[in-house]
């Protein structure tokens, strides 16, 4: 492989990574210069930037969501927990009906969250991921792919969770611990805006970034694609 080809491969990788190579963060600080390969450079003067800025104007939902989020950050930066920020966000949106989409494994935690939300004047409807009580085989999953093969094991049904809350209807949804992929399905089918309060990570006590923080030590194996079986094969 020639040096010219290597340089072209590296250049294409940099373009593809976008912000993945950034060490400047000038889009936040405006204290330096934008890198040569930078999404801000690529979108400057384009229709996408203009169209997004237009969405933040007036009183439409996107604009209200953006202003509510920015005001919570500005007023309470590094002061409130995520639970408190969620309540403040709901108040700034003027919503009173909050849908709580919970993982069955975090049911007790979600019930506590429900009580906290209610204590702050929010009406809450909660629905667990196992709603519908349907065995995993009903969606074509073979018995051997269950967590405990040979036992009754119901499938998570995030689409039904979303439709249940749509029918209330909720004005804002809060996800608590739905599995990777199940959260994507819920957000895809939910009609109300959805925020995530807790991300599922059974191994790390629902703190996914712990693996990232220790990526240079204990979890360095994550950078080695030859280790582990992430392709789904037994």
C-alpha atoms as a PDB file:
ATOM      1  CA  UNK A   1       0.000   0.000   0.000  1.00  0.00           C
ATOM      2  CA  UNK A   2       1.485   3.326  -1.049  1.00  0.00           C
ATOM      3  CA  UNK A   3       1.785   6.336   1.240  1.00  0.00           C
ATOM      4  CA  UNK A   4      -0.695   8.231  -0.932  1.00  0.00           C
ATOM      5  CA  UNK A   5      -3.308   5.508  -0.476  1.00  0.00           C
ATOM      6  CA  UNK A   6      -2.670   5.399   3.274  1.00  0.00           C
ATOM      7  CA  UNK A   7      -3.171   9.162   3.485  1.00  0.00           C
ATOM      8  CA  UNK A   8      -6.411   8.921   1.527  1.00  0.00           C
ATOM      9  CA  UNK A   9      -7.686   6.145   3.813  1.00  0.00           C
ATOM     10  CA  UNK A  10      -6.866   8.226   6.890  1.00  0.00           C
ATOM     11  CA  UNK A  11      -8.523  11.274   5.361  1.00  0.00           C
ATOM     12  CA  UNK A  12     -11.679   9.305   4.598  1.00  0.00           C
ATOM     13  CA  UNK A  13     -11.681   7.899   8.128  1.00  0.00           C
ATOM     14  CA  UNK A  14     -11.430  11.440   9.525  1.00  0.00           C
ATOM     15  CA  UNK A  15     -14.347  12.598   7.365  1.00  0.00           C
ATOM     16  CA  UNK A  16     -16.434   9.642   8.457  1.00  0.00           C
ATOM     17  CA  UNK A  17     -15.641  10.092  12.146  1.00  0.00           C
ATOM     18  CA  UNK A  18     -16.701  13.733  12.153  1.00  0.00           C
ATOM     19  CA  UNK A  19     -16.544  14.916  15.763  1.00  0.00           C
ATOM     20  CA  UNK A  20     -14.844  11.651  16.730  1.00  0.00           C
ATOM     21  CA  UNK A  21     -11.426  13.178  16.025  1.00  0.00           C
ATOM     22  CA  UNK A  22     -12.075  16.614  17.553  1.00  0.00           C
ATOM     23  CA  UNK A  23      -9.736  17.967  20.240  1.00  0.00           C
ATOM     24  CA  UNK A  24     -10.873  21.584  19.939  1.00  0.00           C
ATOM     25  CA  UNK A  25     -14.631  21.747  20.677  1.00  0.00           C
ATOM     26  CA  UNK A  26     -14.716  25.185  19.116  1.00  0.00           C
ATOM     27  CA  UNK A  27     -18.432  24.723  18.410  1.00  0.00           C
ATOM     28  CA  UNK A  28     -18.926  25.069  22.178  1.00  0.00           C
ATOM     29  CA  UNK A  29     -16.193  27.462  23.305  1.00  0.00           C
ATOM     30  CA  UNK A  30     -15.672  29.608  20.161  1.00  0.00           C
ATOM     31  CA  UNK A  31     -12.159  30.157  21.526  1.00  0.00           C
ATOM     32  CA  UNK A  32     -10.189  28.827  18.586  1.00  0.00           C
ATOM     33  CA  UNK A  33     -10.681  27.571  15.054  1.00  0.00           C
ATOM     34  CA  UNK A  34     -12.772  24.775  13.618  1.00  0.00           C
ATOM     35  CA  UNK A  35     -10.819  21.691  12.483  1.00  0.00           C
ATOM     36  CA  UNK A  36     -10.475  21.160   8.755  1.00  0.00           C
ATOM     37  CA  UNK A  37     -12.809  18.168   8.981  1.00  0.00           C
ATOM     38  CA  UNK A  38     -15.725  19.405  11.080  1.00  0.00           C
ATOM     39  CA  UNK A  39     -19.518  18.970  10.856  1.00  0.00           C
ATOM     40  CA  UNK A  40     -19.949  22.665  11.686  1.00  0.00           C
ATOM     41  CA  UNK A  41     -17.814  23.571   8.656  1.00  0.00           C
ATOM     42  CA  UNK A  42     -19.753  21.093   6.516  1.00  0.00           C
ATOM     43  CA  UNK A  43     -23.163  22.450   7.530  1.00  0.00           C
ATOM     44  CA  UNK A  44     -22.299  26.165   7.545  1.00  0.00           C
ATOM     45  CA  UNK A  45     -24.404  28.005   5.015  1.00  0.00           C
ATOM     46  CA  UNK A  46     -26.283  24.854   4.073  1.00  0.00           C
ATOM     47  CA  UNK A  47     -30.001  24.242   4.038  1.00  0.00           C
ATOM     48  CA  UNK A  48     -29.888  21.816   6.977  1.00  0.00           C
ATOM     49  CA  UNK A  49     -28.595  24.460   9.402  1.00  0.00           C
ATOM     50  CA  UNK A  50     -31.144  27.011   8.253  1.00  0.00           C
ATOM     51  CA  UNK A  51     -33.969  24.491   8.453  1.00  0.00           C
ATOM     52  CA  UNK A  52     -33.050  23.378  11.967  1.00  0.00           C
ATOM     53  CA  UNK A  53     -32.803  26.951  13.201  1.00  0.00           C
ATOM     54  CA  UNK A  54     -36.248  27.588  11.768  1.00  0.00           C
ATOM     55  CA  UNK A  55     -37.607  24.658  13.783  1.00  0.00           C
ATOM     56  CA  UNK A  56     -36.454  26.367  16.974  1.00  0.00           C
ATOM     57  CA  UNK A  57     -38.524  29.494  16.267  1.00  0.00           C
ATOM     58  CA  UNK A  58     -42.038  30.325  17.422  1.00  0.00           C
ATOM     59  CA  UNK A  59     -44.219  28.156  19.622  1.00  0.00           C
ATOM     60  CA  UNK A  60     -44.090  24.812  17.840  1.00  0.00           C
ATOM     61  CA  UNK A  61     -43.153  21.711  19.829  1.00  0.00           C
ATOM     62  CA  UNK A  62     -39.498  21.502  18.728  1.00  0.00           C
ATOM     63  CA  UNK A  63     -38.956  25.117  19.735  1.00  0.00           C
ATOM     64  CA  UNK A  64     -40.596  24.651  23.127  1.00  0.00           C
ATOM     65  CA  UNK A  65     -38.575  21.499  23.801  1.00  0.00           C
ATOM     66  CA  UNK A  66     -35.328  23.241  22.870  1.00  0.00           C
ATOM     67  CA  UNK A  67     -35.986  26.295  25.025  1.00  0.00           C
ATOM     68  CA  UNK A  68     -37.146  24.194  28.000  1.00  0.00           C
ATOM     69  CA  UNK A  69     -34.023  22.017  27.820  1.00  0.00           C
ATOM     70  CA  UNK A  70     -31.689  25.010  27.484  1.00  0.00           C
ATOM     71  CA  UNK A  71     -33.354  26.891  30.336  1.00  0.00           C
ATOM     72  CA  UNK A  72     -33.062  23.909  32.699  1.00  0.00           C
ATOM     73  CA  UNK A  73     -29.367  23.593  31.830  1.00  0.00           C
ATOM     74  CA  UNK A  74     -28.752  27.321  32.210  1.00  0.00           C
ATOM     75  CA  UNK A  75     -30.591  27.759  35.491  1.00  0.00           C
ATOM     76  CA  UNK A  76     -29.567  24.569  37.278  1.00  0.00           C
ATOM     77  CA  UNK A  77     -26.194  23.624  35.787  1.00  0.00           C
ATOM     78  CA  UNK A  78     -24.490  21.098  38.103  1.00  0.00           C
ATOM     79  CA  UNK A  79     -27.117  21.707  40.788  1.00  0.00           C
ATOM     80  CA  UNK A  80     -29.919  19.215  40.123  1.00  0.00           C
ATOM     81  CA  UNK A  81     -30.020  15.448  39.784  1.00  0.00           C
ATOM     82  CA  UNK A  82     -31.434  13.965  36.580  1.00  0.00           C
ATOM     83  CA  UNK A  83     -34.685  13.212  38.402  1.00  0.00           C
ATOM     84  CA  UNK A  84     -35.025  16.857  39.414  1.00  0.00           C
ATOM     85  CA  UNK A  85     -34.053  18.082  35.960  1.00  0.00           C
ATOM     86  CA  UNK A  86     -36.799  15.930  34.455  1.00  0.00           C
ATOM     87  CA  UNK A  87     -39.383  17.543  36.730  1.00  0.00           C
ATOM     88  CA  UNK A  88     -38.052  21.026  35.903  1.00  0.00           C
ATOM     89  CA  UNK A  89     -38.161  20.164  32.181  1.00  0.00           C
ATOM     90  CA  UNK A  90     -41.785  19.045  32.435  1.00  0.00           C
ATOM     91  CA  UNK A  91     -42.739  22.225  34.272  1.00  0.00           C
ATOM     92  CA  UNK A  92     -41.118  24.436  31.670  1.00  0.00           C
ATOM     93  CA  UNK A  93     -43.011  22.584  28.962  1.00  0.00           C
ATOM     94  CA  UNK A  94     -46.218  23.107  30.882  1.00  0.00           C
ATOM     95  CA  UNK A  95     -47.077  19.395  30.807  1.00  0.00           C
ATOM     96  CA  UNK A  96     -48.905  17.633  33.616  1.00  0.00           C
ATOM     97  CA  UNK A  97     -49.331  14.097  32.207  1.00  0.00           C
ATOM     98  CA  UNK A  98     -46.147  12.023  32.281  1.00  0.00           C
ATOM     99  CA  UNK A  99     -45.887   8.482  30.948  1.00  0.00           C
ATOM    100  CA  UNK A 100     -43.379   6.238  32.702  1.00  0.00           C
ATOM    101  CA  UNK A 101     -42.049   3.346  30.584  1.00  0.00           C
ATOM    102  CA  UNK A 102     -40.331   1.012  33.019  1.00  0.00           C
ATOM    103  CA  UNK A 103     -38.233  -2.115  32.831  1.00  0.00           C
ATOM    104  CA  UNK A 104     -39.607  -4.960  34.948  1.00  0.00           C
ATOM    105  CA  UNK A 105     -36.205  -5.266  36.602  1.00  0.00           C
ATOM    106  CA  UNK A 106     -36.431  -1.666  37.801  1.00  0.00           C
ATOM    107  CA  UNK A 107     -40.050  -1.760  38.877  1.00  0.00           C
ATOM    108  CA  UNK A 108     -39.375  -0.706  42.482  1.00  0.00           C
ATOM    109  CA  UNK A 109     -37.153   2.149  41.367  1.00  0.00           C
ATOM    110  CA  UNK A 110     -39.794   3.284  38.872  1.00  0.00           C
ATOM    111  CA  UNK A 111     -42.459   3.166  41.551  1.00  0.00           C
ATOM    112  CA  UNK A 112     -40.317   5.489  43.660  1.00  0.00           C
ATOM    113  CA  UNK A 113     -39.856   7.790  40.670  1.00  0.00           C
ATOM    114  CA  UNK A 114     -43.627   7.788  40.186  1.00  0.00           C
ATOM    115  CA  UNK A 115     -44.123   8.926  43.788  1.00  0.00           C
ATOM    116  CA  UNK A 116     -41.513  11.663  43.371  1.00  0.00           C
ATOM    117  CA  UNK A 117     -43.177  12.951  40.202  1.00  0.00           C
ATOM    118  CA  UNK A 118     -46.594  12.878  41.864  1.00  0.00           C
ATOM    119  CA  UNK A 119     -45.218  14.772  44.873  1.00  0.00           C
ATOM    120  CA  UNK A 120     -44.339  17.560  42.457  1.00  0.00           C
ATOM    121  CA  UNK A 121     -47.824  17.764  41.001  1.00  0.00           C
ATOM    122  CA  UNK A 122     -47.431  15.560  37.928  1.00  0.00           C
ATOM    123  CA  UNK A 123     -50.048  12.998  36.919  1.00  0.00           C
ATOM    124  CA  UNK A 124     -48.219   9.779  36.078  1.00  0.00           C
ATOM    125  CA  UNK A 125     -49.285   6.654  34.212  1.00  0.00           C
ATOM    126  CA  UNK A 126     -46.753   3.837  34.424  1.00  0.00           C
ATOM    127  CA  UNK A 127     -46.448   0.742  32.260  1.00  0.00           C
ATOM    128  CA  UNK A 128     -43.998  -2.153  32.643  1.00  0.00           C
ATOM    129  CA  UNK A 129     -42.099  -3.669  29.713  1.00  0.00           C
ATOM    130  CA  UNK A 130     -43.774  -7.071  30.199  1.00  0.00           C
ATOM    131  CA  UNK A 131     -47.244  -5.633  29.492  1.00  0.00           C
ATOM    132  CA  UNK A 132     -49.287  -8.091  27.434  1.00  0.00           C
ATOM    133  CA  UNK A 133     -47.696 -11.114  29.160  1.00  0.00           C
ATOM    134  CA  UNK A 134     -46.689 -12.858  25.911  1.00  0.00           C
ATOM    135  CA  UNK A 135     -44.130 -15.670  25.725  1.00  0.00           C
ATOM    136  CA  UNK A 136     -41.008 -14.899  23.706  1.00  0.00           C
ATOM    137  CA  UNK A 137     -41.783 -17.746  21.323  1.00  0.00           C
ATOM    138  CA  UNK A 138     -44.744 -15.730  20.039  1.00  0.00           C
ATOM    139  CA  UNK A 139     -42.357 -13.346  18.245  1.00  0.00           C
ATOM    140  CA  UNK A 140     -40.304 -16.165  16.752  1.00  0.00           C
ATOM    141  CA  UNK A 141     -37.538 -16.388  19.339  1.00  0.00           C
ATOM    142  CA  UNK A 142     -36.341 -19.991  19.689  1.00  0.00           C
ATOM    143  CA  UNK A 143     -36.521 -21.577  23.128  1.00  0.00           C
ATOM    144  CA  UNK A 144     -32.727 -21.795  23.421  1.00  0.00           C
ATOM    145  CA  UNK A 145     -32.458 -17.984  23.137  1.00  0.00           C
ATOM    146  CA  UNK A 146     -34.385 -17.413  26.346  1.00  0.00           C
ATOM    147  CA  UNK A 147     -32.463 -16.354  29.420  1.00  0.00           C
ATOM    148  CA  UNK A 148     -33.694 -19.561  31.098  1.00  0.00           C
ATOM    149  CA  UNK A 149     -34.675 -22.053  28.359  1.00  0.00           C
ATOM    150  CA  UNK A 150     -37.521 -24.389  29.238  1.00  0.00           C
ATOM    151  CA  UNK A 151     -39.227 -21.846  31.466  1.00  0.00           C
ATOM    152  CA  UNK A 152     -42.061 -19.407  30.910  1.00  0.00           C
ATOM    153  CA  UNK A 153     -40.377 -16.177  29.836  1.00  0.00           C
ATOM    154  CA  UNK A 154     -42.348 -13.261  28.487  1.00  0.00           C
ATOM    155  CA  UNK A 155     -41.155 -10.866  25.839  1.00  0.00           C
ATOM    156  CA  UNK A 156     -40.677  -7.158  26.480  1.00  0.00           C
ATOM    157  CA  UNK A 157     -43.277  -5.248  24.475  1.00  0.00           C
ATOM    158  CA  UNK A 158     -42.101  -1.623  24.089  1.00  0.00           C
ATOM    159  CA  UNK A 159     -44.499  -1.008  21.183  1.00  0.00           C
ATOM    160  CA  UNK A 160     -47.441  -1.908  23.427  1.00  0.00           C
ATOM    161  CA  UNK A 161     -45.953   0.279  26.178  1.00  0.00           C
ATOM    162  CA  UNK A 162     -45.862   3.200  23.749  1.00  0.00           C
ATOM    163  CA  UNK A 163     -49.390   2.592  22.469  1.00  0.00           C
ATOM    164  CA  UNK A 164     -50.727   2.288  26.003  1.00  0.00           C
ATOM    165  CA  UNK A 165     -49.295   5.698  26.892  1.00  0.00           C
ATOM    166  CA  UNK A 166     -50.366   7.151  23.528  1.00  0.00           C
ATOM    167  CA  UNK A 167     -53.924   6.201  24.391  1.00  0.00           C
ATOM    168  CA  UNK A 168     -53.935   8.125  27.675  1.00  0.00           C
ATOM    169  CA  UNK A 169     -52.453  10.352  26.179  1.00  0.00           C
ATOM    170  CA  UNK A 170     -49.176  11.270  27.871  1.00  0.00           C
ATOM    171  CA  UNK A 171     -47.641  14.671  27.165  1.00  0.00           C
ATOM    172  CA  UNK A 172     -44.089  13.622  28.039  1.00  0.00           C
ATOM    173  CA  UNK A 173     -42.638  10.125  28.365  1.00  0.00           C
ATOM    174  CA  UNK A 174     -39.804   9.055  30.660  1.00  0.00           C
ATOM    175  CA  UNK A 175     -37.895   5.820  30.013  1.00  0.00           C
ATOM    176  CA  UNK A 176     -36.498   3.948  33.001  1.00  0.00           C
ATOM    177  CA  UNK A 177     -34.125   1.098  32.211  1.00  0.00           C
ATOM    178  CA  UNK A 178     -35.537  -0.331  28.998  1.00  0.00           C
ATOM    179  CA  UNK A 179     -33.120  -2.729  27.293  1.00  0.00           C
ATOM    180  CA  UNK A 180     -30.932  -1.704  24.370  1.00  0.00           C
ATOM    181  CA  UNK A 181     -33.222  -1.864  21.338  1.00  0.00           C
ATOM    182  CA  UNK A 182     -36.408  -1.966  23.365  1.00  0.00           C
ATOM    183  CA  UNK A 183     -35.817   1.702  24.175  1.00  0.00           C
ATOM    184  CA  UNK A 184     -35.418   2.380  20.450  1.00  0.00           C
ATOM    185  CA  UNK A 185     -38.740   0.694  19.704  1.00  0.00           C
ATOM    186  CA  UNK A 186     -40.504   2.619  22.446  1.00  0.00           C
ATOM    187  CA  UNK A 187     -39.177   5.978  21.249  1.00  0.00           C
ATOM    188  CA  UNK A 188     -40.003   5.065  17.649  1.00  0.00           C
ATOM    189  CA  UNK A 189     -43.667   4.365  18.467  1.00  0.00           C
ATOM    190  CA  UNK A 190     -44.297   6.937  21.222  1.00  0.00           C
ATOM    191  CA  UNK A 191     -46.316   9.955  20.135  1.00  0.00           C
ATOM    192  CA  UNK A 192     -45.244  12.237  22.995  1.00  0.00           C
ATOM    193  CA  UNK A 193     -41.666  13.532  23.348  1.00  0.00           C
ATOM    194  CA  UNK A 194     -39.519  11.012  25.225  1.00  0.00           C
ATOM    195  CA  UNK A 195     -36.572  11.474  27.556  1.00  0.00           C
ATOM    196  CA  UNK A 196     -34.427   8.792  29.215  1.00  0.00           C
ATOM    197  CA  UNK A 197     -33.957   8.867  32.975  1.00  0.00           C
ATOM    198  CA  UNK A 198     -31.968   5.624  33.309  1.00  0.00           C
ATOM    199  CA  UNK A 199     -30.120   3.503  30.737  1.00  0.00           C
ATOM    200  CA  UNK A 200     -30.067  -0.262  31.277  1.00  0.00           C
ATOM    201  CA  UNK A 201     -26.729  -1.863  32.172  1.00  0.00           C
ATOM    202  CA  UNK A 202     -27.194  -4.983  34.259  1.00  0.00           C
ATOM    203  CA  UNK A 203     -23.457  -5.552  34.720  1.00  0.00           C
ATOM    204  CA  UNK A 204     -22.523  -2.025  35.802  1.00  0.00           C
ATOM    205  CA  UNK A 205     -25.526  -1.138  37.961  1.00  0.00           C
ATOM    206  CA  UNK A 206     -27.108   0.930  35.161  1.00  0.00           C
ATOM    207  CA  UNK A 207     -24.026   3.116  34.757  1.00  0.00           C
ATOM    208  CA  UNK A 208     -22.907   2.359  31.167  1.00  0.00           C
ATOM    209  CA  UNK A 209     -20.157   4.989  31.223  1.00  0.00           C
ATOM    210  CA  UNK A 210     -18.248   3.042  33.880  1.00  0.00           C
ATOM    211  CA  UNK A 211     -16.907   0.850  31.060  1.00  0.00           C
ATOM    212  CA  UNK A 212     -15.896   3.965  29.129  1.00  0.00           C
ATOM    213  CA  UNK A 213     -14.191   5.597  32.113  1.00  0.00           C
ATOM    214  CA  UNK A 214     -12.137   2.421  32.624  1.00  0.00           C
ATOM    215  CA  UNK A 215     -11.539   1.825  28.919  1.00  0.00           C
ATOM    216  CA  UNK A 216      -7.816   2.330  29.466  1.00  0.00           C
ATOM    217  CA  UNK A 217      -7.636  -0.273  32.205  1.00  0.00           C
ATOM    218  CA  UNK A 218     -10.257  -2.770  33.395  1.00  0.00           C
ATOM    219  CA  UNK A 219     -12.417  -2.563  30.301  1.00  0.00           C
ATOM    220  CA  UNK A 220      -9.604  -2.180  27.786  1.00  0.00           C
ATOM    221  CA  UNK A 221     -10.832  -5.434  26.229  1.00  0.00           C
ATOM    222  CA  UNK A 222     -13.690  -3.488  24.659  1.00  0.00           C
ATOM    223  CA  UNK A 223     -11.194  -2.096  22.135  1.00  0.00           C
ATOM    224  CA  UNK A 224     -10.227  -5.611  21.006  1.00  0.00           C
ATOM    225  CA  UNK A 225     -12.828  -6.929  18.527  1.00  0.00           C
ATOM    226  CA  UNK A 226     -11.385 -10.451  18.757  1.00  0.00           C
ATOM    227  CA  UNK A 227     -12.476 -10.776  22.378  1.00  0.00           C
ATOM    228  CA  UNK A 228     -16.046 -11.644  23.312  1.00  0.00           C
ATOM    229  CA  UNK A 229     -19.009 -12.845  21.241  1.00  0.00           C
ATOM    230  CA  UNK A 230     -20.883  -9.759  20.198  1.00  0.00           C
ATOM    231  CA  UNK A 231     -22.128 -11.238  16.933  1.00  0.00           C
ATOM    232  CA  UNK A 232     -24.963 -13.084  18.677  1.00  0.00           C
ATOM    233  CA  UNK A 233     -23.620 -16.610  18.203  1.00  0.00           C
ATOM    234  CA  UNK A 234     -23.462 -19.044  21.078  1.00  0.00           C
END
